[in-house]
């Protein structure tokens, strides 16, 4: 309810209701986030291009088919794919204003995300133990740059997910929190799409080289 500067004939102030501009602010927020996603697309496009150029330059070191464990990578891929599914369930619950169900699915999503990061860190540590560090060859430099950048995105997404869980638990599923969940949903599904590209072009085709 907003107060006007108008006075009625009998001397009483005139009031009227104003509609909040939630839709306008929400639309601009989502538009801005889409612009961020597009800028992230450019970053990953450059990393994929670098992999395309340097992915076969082994410099006498270990080759991709000697290092990659496709069973482990398949497990990691499944963890990330399932995390996108559970996040979708969380958004369905959020739009239905079911706070407990939303938080429950977000917790499951977080566990899948942390599992993905754990498997990736294990893979990196194993490769480093085998002497296949990023400075060993151009192939390894481009590999760590691409896969590591994606892993950092998942890490920041997981932190963001924890922050949103705290906000939802304290303030409920108000419009601002639902909008933030929608932005993180775009980010999380985007990382899923990027990983499918990594799994296909880096791991599968690399193992066939």
Protein backbone atom coordinates (compact mmCIF):
# COMPACT_ATOMS: atom_id res chain seq x y z
CA UNK A 1 0.00 0.00 0.00
CA UNK A 2 1.47 3.37 -1.01
CA UNK A 3 0.41 6.81 0.26
CA UNK A 4 -0.42 9.52 -2.26
CA UNK A 5 0.07 13.26 -1.99
CA UNK A 6 -3.61 13.87 -2.86
CA UNK A 7 -6.17 15.06 -0.33
CA UNK A 8 -9.85 14.33 -0.70
CA UNK A 9 -12.48 17.05 -0.46
CA UNK A 10 -13.18 16.21 3.17
CA UNK A 11 -9.49 16.59 4.04
CA UNK A 12 -8.60 12.90 4.30
CA UNK A 13 -5.58 11.55 2.42
CA UNK A 14 -6.14 9.30 -0.58
CA UNK A 15 -4.44 5.88 -0.67
CA UNK A 16 -4.04 3.42 -3.49
CA UNK A 17 -2.36 0.05 -3.91
CA UNK A 18 0.66 -0.32 -6.12
CA UNK A 19 1.71 -3.62 -7.62
CA UNK A 20 5.29 -4.63 -6.80
CA UNK A 21 7.51 -5.09 -9.81
CA UNK A 22 8.61 -8.62 -8.95
CA UNK A 23 8.18 -9.86 -12.50
CA UNK A 24 10.26 -7.04 -13.95
CA UNK A 25 13.13 -7.50 -11.48
CA UNK A 26 12.94 -11.28 -11.87
CA UNK A 27 13.05 -11.02 -15.65
CA UNK A 28 16.07 -8.72 -15.58
CA UNK A 29 17.84 -11.05 -13.15
CA UNK A 30 17.32 -14.06 -15.39
CA UNK A 31 18.37 -12.06 -18.46
CA UNK A 32 21.58 -11.00 -16.73
CA UNK A 33 22.28 -14.57 -15.72
CA UNK A 34 21.73 -15.78 -19.29
CA UNK A 35 24.35 -13.24 -20.38
CA UNK A 36 26.74 -14.69 -17.81
CA UNK A 37 26.05 -18.22 -19.09
CA UNK A 38 26.86 -17.08 -22.63
CA UNK A 39 30.17 -15.59 -21.46
CA UNK A 40 30.94 -18.90 -19.76
CA UNK A 41 30.18 -20.64 -23.06
CA UNK A 42 32.96 -18.59 -24.67
CA UNK A 43 35.41 -19.66 -21.96
CA UNK A 44 34.67 -23.34 -22.42
CA UNK A 45 34.69 -22.95 -26.21
CA UNK A 46 38.27 -21.67 -26.00
CA UNK A 47 39.24 -24.53 -23.69
CA UNK A 48 37.70 -27.10 -26.04
CA UNK A 49 39.52 -25.44 -28.95
CA UNK A 50 42.81 -25.71 -27.03
CA UNK A 51 42.10 -29.37 -26.40
CA UNK A 52 41.43 -29.86 -30.11
CA UNK A 53 44.82 -28.39 -30.95
CA UNK A 54 46.97 -29.88 -28.17
CA UNK A 55 45.05 -33.03 -27.23
CA UNK A 56 47.38 -35.29 -29.25
CA UNK A 57 50.68 -33.63 -28.35
CA UNK A 58 51.99 -36.17 -25.85
CA UNK A 59 55.66 -35.07 -26.05
CA UNK A 60 56.84 -38.61 -25.39
CA UNK A 61 54.80 -38.80 -22.18
CA UNK A 62 51.77 -40.91 -21.31
CA UNK A 63 48.96 -40.86 -23.86
CA UNK A 64 45.29 -40.38 -23.12
CA UNK A 65 44.35 -44.06 -23.52
CA UNK A 66 47.03 -44.96 -20.99
CA UNK A 67 45.71 -42.60 -18.32
CA UNK A 68 41.93 -42.52 -18.60
CA UNK A 69 39.81 -44.99 -16.63
CA UNK A 70 36.51 -44.98 -18.50
CA UNK A 71 34.68 -46.89 -15.76
CA UNK A 72 35.63 -44.22 -13.24
CA UNK A 73 34.67 -41.45 -15.67
CA UNK A 74 31.34 -43.17 -16.39
CA UNK A 75 30.63 -43.22 -12.65
CA UNK A 76 31.45 -39.52 -12.43
CA UNK A 77 29.20 -38.77 -15.39
CA UNK A 78 26.33 -40.66 -13.77
CA UNK A 79 26.76 -38.68 -10.54
CA UNK A 80 26.50 -35.37 -12.37
CA UNK A 81 23.56 -36.48 -14.50
CA UNK A 82 21.66 -37.67 -11.44
CA UNK A 83 22.39 -34.36 -9.72
CA UNK A 84 20.63 -32.52 -12.55
CA UNK A 85 17.61 -34.81 -12.19
CA UNK A 86 17.39 -34.25 -8.44
CA UNK A 87 17.76 -30.50 -8.93
CA UNK A 88 14.82 -30.66 -11.32
CA UNK A 89 12.77 -32.35 -8.58
CA UNK A 90 13.86 -29.58 -6.19
CA UNK A 91 12.56 -26.92 -8.59
CA UNK A 92 9.24 -28.75 -8.96
CA UNK A 93 8.90 -28.77 -5.17
CA UNK A 94 9.94 -25.11 -4.95
CA UNK A 95 7.27 -23.98 -7.41
CA UNK A 96 4.75 -26.04 -5.42
CA UNK A 97 5.89 -24.18 -2.24
CA UNK A 98 6.96 -27.42 -0.55
CA UNK A 99 9.91 -26.20 1.49
CA UNK A 100 10.92 -29.48 3.15
CA UNK A 101 10.83 -31.39 -0.14
CA UNK A 102 12.84 -28.63 -1.83
CA UNK A 103 15.54 -28.76 0.84
CA UNK A 104 15.59 -32.56 0.72
CA UNK A 105 16.19 -32.68 -3.02
CA UNK A 106 18.81 -29.92 -2.74
CA UNK A 107 20.68 -32.01 -0.15
CA UNK A 108 20.64 -35.01 -2.52
CA UNK A 109 21.86 -32.78 -5.35
CA UNK A 110 24.69 -31.50 -3.17
CA UNK A 111 25.74 -35.05 -2.26
CA UNK A 112 25.89 -36.01 -5.94
CA UNK A 113 27.92 -32.87 -6.69
CA UNK A 114 30.37 -33.57 -3.88
CA UNK A 115 30.65 -37.17 -5.05
CA UNK A 116 31.52 -35.91 -8.53
CA UNK A 117 34.22 -33.64 -7.12
CA UNK A 118 35.61 -36.46 -4.97
CA UNK A 119 35.99 -38.79 -7.94
CA UNK A 120 37.60 -36.03 -10.00
CA UNK A 121 40.09 -35.22 -7.26
CA UNK A 122 40.94 -38.92 -6.99
CA UNK A 123 41.56 -39.05 -10.75
CA UNK A 124 43.81 -35.99 -10.61
CA UNK A 125 45.79 -37.31 -7.64
CA UNK A 126 46.28 -40.67 -9.36
CA UNK A 127 47.52 -38.99 -12.53
CA UNK A 128 49.88 -36.75 -10.58
CA UNK A 129 51.21 -39.81 -8.72
CA UNK A 130 51.93 -41.40 -12.10
CA UNK A 131 53.97 -38.33 -13.09
CA UNK A 132 51.30 -37.01 -15.47
CA UNK A 133 51.19 -33.44 -14.23
CA UNK A 134 50.04 -30.44 -16.27
CA UNK A 135 53.61 -29.47 -17.19
CA UNK A 136 54.41 -32.93 -18.64
CA UNK A 137 52.97 -32.24 -22.11
CA UNK A 138 50.63 -29.95 -24.02
CA UNK A 139 48.06 -32.72 -23.92
CA UNK A 140 48.07 -32.75 -20.13
CA UNK A 141 48.10 -28.96 -19.89
CA UNK A 142 44.96 -28.68 -22.01
CA UNK A 143 43.36 -31.59 -20.13
CA UNK A 144 43.87 -30.08 -16.68
CA UNK A 145 42.79 -26.64 -17.92
CA UNK A 146 39.49 -27.91 -19.36
CA UNK A 147 38.53 -30.51 -16.75
CA UNK A 148 39.87 -28.42 -13.88
CA UNK A 149 37.89 -25.35 -14.94
CA UNK A 150 34.74 -27.43 -15.06
CA UNK A 151 35.55 -28.83 -11.62
CA UNK A 152 35.98 -25.32 -10.23
CA UNK A 153 32.56 -24.40 -11.59
CA UNK A 154 31.03 -27.41 -9.84
CA UNK A 155 32.82 -26.39 -6.63
CA UNK A 156 31.44 -22.85 -6.74
CA UNK A 157 28.02 -24.22 -7.68
CA UNK A 158 28.09 -26.48 -4.62
CA UNK A 159 28.98 -23.53 -2.37
CA UNK A 160 26.18 -21.52 -3.95
CA UNK A 161 23.83 -24.45 -3.35
CA UNK A 162 24.71 -24.53 0.36
CA UNK A 163 24.10 -20.78 0.66
CA UNK A 164 20.67 -21.14 -0.98
CA UNK A 165 19.77 -24.03 1.30
CA UNK A 166 20.50 -21.81 4.31
CA UNK A 167 18.43 -18.97 2.83
CA UNK A 168 15.47 -21.23 2.05
CA UNK A 169 15.56 -22.81 5.50
CA UNK A 170 15.55 -19.36 7.15
CA UNK A 171 13.29 -17.29 4.89
CA UNK A 172 11.26 -19.93 3.08
CA UNK A 173 10.35 -20.10 -0.59
CA UNK A 174 9.76 -16.41 -1.13
CA UNK A 175 9.90 -15.07 -4.68
CA UNK A 176 13.53 -13.92 -4.39
CA UNK A 177 14.72 -17.32 -3.18
CA UNK A 178 12.83 -19.16 -5.92
CA UNK A 179 14.41 -16.83 -8.48
CA UNK A 180 17.86 -17.57 -7.07
CA UNK A 181 17.13 -21.29 -7.26
CA UNK A 182 16.14 -20.84 -10.92
CA UNK A 183 19.44 -19.10 -11.67
CA UNK A 184 21.43 -21.87 -10.01
CA UNK A 185 19.32 -24.39 -11.95
CA UNK A 186 20.46 -22.81 -15.22
CA UNK A 187 24.06 -22.89 -14.02
CA UNK A 188 23.89 -26.50 -12.83
CA UNK A 189 22.30 -27.82 -16.03
CA UNK A 190 24.82 -25.82 -18.07
CA UNK A 191 27.65 -27.62 -16.28
CA UNK A 192 25.93 -30.90 -17.08
CA UNK A 193 25.89 -30.07 -20.80
CA UNK A 194 29.56 -29.03 -20.72
CA UNK A 195 30.50 -32.28 -18.99
CA UNK A 196 28.78 -34.32 -21.68
CA UNK A 197 31.09 -32.56 -24.15
CA UNK A 198 34.10 -33.32 -21.95
CA UNK A 199 33.11 -36.97 -21.57
CA UNK A 200 32.59 -37.38 -25.31
CA UNK A 201 35.48 -35.44 -26.84
CA UNK A 202 38.12 -35.77 -24.11
CA UNK A 203 37.58 -39.14 -22.52
CA UNK A 204 35.83 -41.30 -25.11
CA UNK A 205 37.63 -40.05 -28.21
CA UNK A 206 40.87 -39.72 -26.25
CA UNK A 207 40.69 -43.36 -25.18
CA UNK A 208 40.14 -44.40 -28.79
CA UNK A 209 43.24 -42.56 -30.01
